[in-house]
Amino acid sequence: MLEACYERLNDENGIKQLYEYYVAHSDSVADERCIPILKSMVDKSGWPQSVQNILRNYHEHDFGGKVLARLMTEERLSDEALTLAGH
């Protein structure tokens, strides 16, 4: 519902933050769609910052899901994965 509200308001930053949250915390296979959508929204120059936002969001709430695991695999974030596993 929040996603629909952001879309209705044309709030791209709100949608981006919501997708970063989904990637950090979701266990839903359906939310895996957020990774390529988010990548296309922020382009190559903004992608590293989005990844950092996702990892920071994870740390703040101390839980993660399957979508975060997929991101770490796709982006080859092995150092970050070890840090989060020891968290």
Protein backbone atom coordinates (compact mmCIF):
# COMPACT_ATOMS: atom_id res chain seq x y z
CA MET A 1 0.00 0.00 0.00
CA LEU A 2 2.84 2.36 0.86
CA GLU A 3 4.43 1.62 -2.50
CA ALA A 4 1.21 2.60 -4.27
CA CYS A 5 1.06 5.85 -2.31
CA TYR A 6 4.63 6.76 -3.26
CA GLU A 7 3.87 5.95 -6.89
CA ARG A 8 0.73 8.08 -6.82
CA LEU A 9 2.75 10.98 -5.40
CA ASN A 10 5.55 10.40 -7.93
CA ASP A 11 7.92 10.18 -4.95
CA GLU A 12 10.88 8.36 -6.48
CA ASN A 13 13.01 8.83 -3.36
CA GLY A 14 10.28 7.27 -1.20
CA ILE A 15 10.01 4.31 -3.55
CA LYS A 16 13.80 3.91 -3.56
CA GLN A 17 13.92 3.89 0.25
CA LEU A 18 11.07 1.40 0.40
CA TYR A 19 12.82 -0.94 -2.05
CA GLU A 20 16.05 -0.65 -0.05
CA TYR A 21 14.08 -1.67 3.04
CA TYR A 22 12.51 -4.61 1.19
CA VAL A 23 15.91 -5.84 0.04
CA ALA A 24 17.33 -5.55 3.54
CA HIS A 25 14.52 -7.39 5.31
CA SER A 26 12.21 -9.39 3.08
CA ASP A 27 11.99 -13.16 2.86
CA SER A 28 9.47 -12.97 0.03
CA VAL A 29 10.58 -14.20 -3.37
CA ALA A 30 8.24 -11.58 -4.83
CA ASP A 31 10.39 -8.83 -3.29
CA GLU A 32 13.45 -10.05 -5.20
CA ARG A 33 12.00 -7.95 -8.04
CA CYS A 34 13.15 -4.90 -6.09
CA ILE A 35 16.83 -5.53 -6.80
CA PRO A 36 16.72 -4.96 -10.59
CA ILE A 37 14.11 -2.21 -10.25
CA LEU A 38 16.22 -0.39 -7.68
CA LYS A 39 19.34 -0.82 -9.81
CA SER A 40 17.61 0.76 -12.79
CA MET A 41 16.24 3.61 -10.65
CA VAL A 42 19.61 4.69 -9.26
CA ASP A 43 21.81 3.83 -12.28
CA LYS A 44 25.43 2.69 -11.95
CA SER A 45 26.67 5.78 -10.16
CA GLY A 46 24.01 5.57 -7.44
CA TRP A 47 24.02 1.79 -6.97
CA PRO A 48 26.96 1.65 -4.48
CA GLN A 49 25.15 4.14 -2.24
CA SER A 50 21.94 2.11 -2.38
CA VAL A 51 23.87 -1.02 -1.40
CA GLN A 52 25.35 0.87 1.56
CA ASN A 53 21.87 2.10 2.53
CA ILE A 54 20.60 -1.49 2.43
CA LEU A 55 23.45 -2.75 4.60
CA ARG A 56 23.03 0.14 7.06
CA ASN A 57 19.28 -0.55 7.23
CA TYR A 58 20.03 -4.19 8.00
CA HIS A 59 22.45 -3.27 10.79
CA GLU A 60 19.99 -0.88 12.38
CA HIS A 61 17.31 -3.55 12.70
CA ASP A 62 19.55 -6.61 13.13
CA PHE A 63 17.69 -9.01 10.88
CA GLY A 64 17.72 -9.82 7.20
CA GLY A 65 16.01 -12.02 4.71
CA LYS A 66 16.44 -14.03 1.57
CA VAL A 67 16.44 -10.96 -0.66
CA LEU A 68 19.46 -9.55 1.21
CA ALA A 69 21.21 -12.90 0.79
CA ARG A 70 20.51 -12.78 -2.95
CA LEU A 71 21.88 -9.23 -3.17
CA MET A 72 25.05 -10.28 -1.37
CA THR A 73 25.51 -13.20 -3.73
CA GLU A 74 24.84 -11.19 -6.90
CA GLU A 75 27.04 -8.29 -5.84
CA ARG A 76 29.76 -10.58 -4.42
CA LEU A 77 29.65 -8.88 -1.04
CA SER A 78 31.60 -11.58 0.79
CA ASP A 79 33.28 -9.22 3.27
CA GLU A 80 29.96 -7.64 4.13
CA ALA A 81 28.35 -11.08 4.50
CA LEU A 82 31.04 -12.11 7.01
CA THR A 83 30.57 -8.89 8.94
CA LEU A 84 26.79 -9.39 9.07
CA ALA A 85 27.13 -13.05 10.06
CA GLY A 86 29.26 -12.06 13.04
CA HIS A 87 26.90 -9.24 14.00
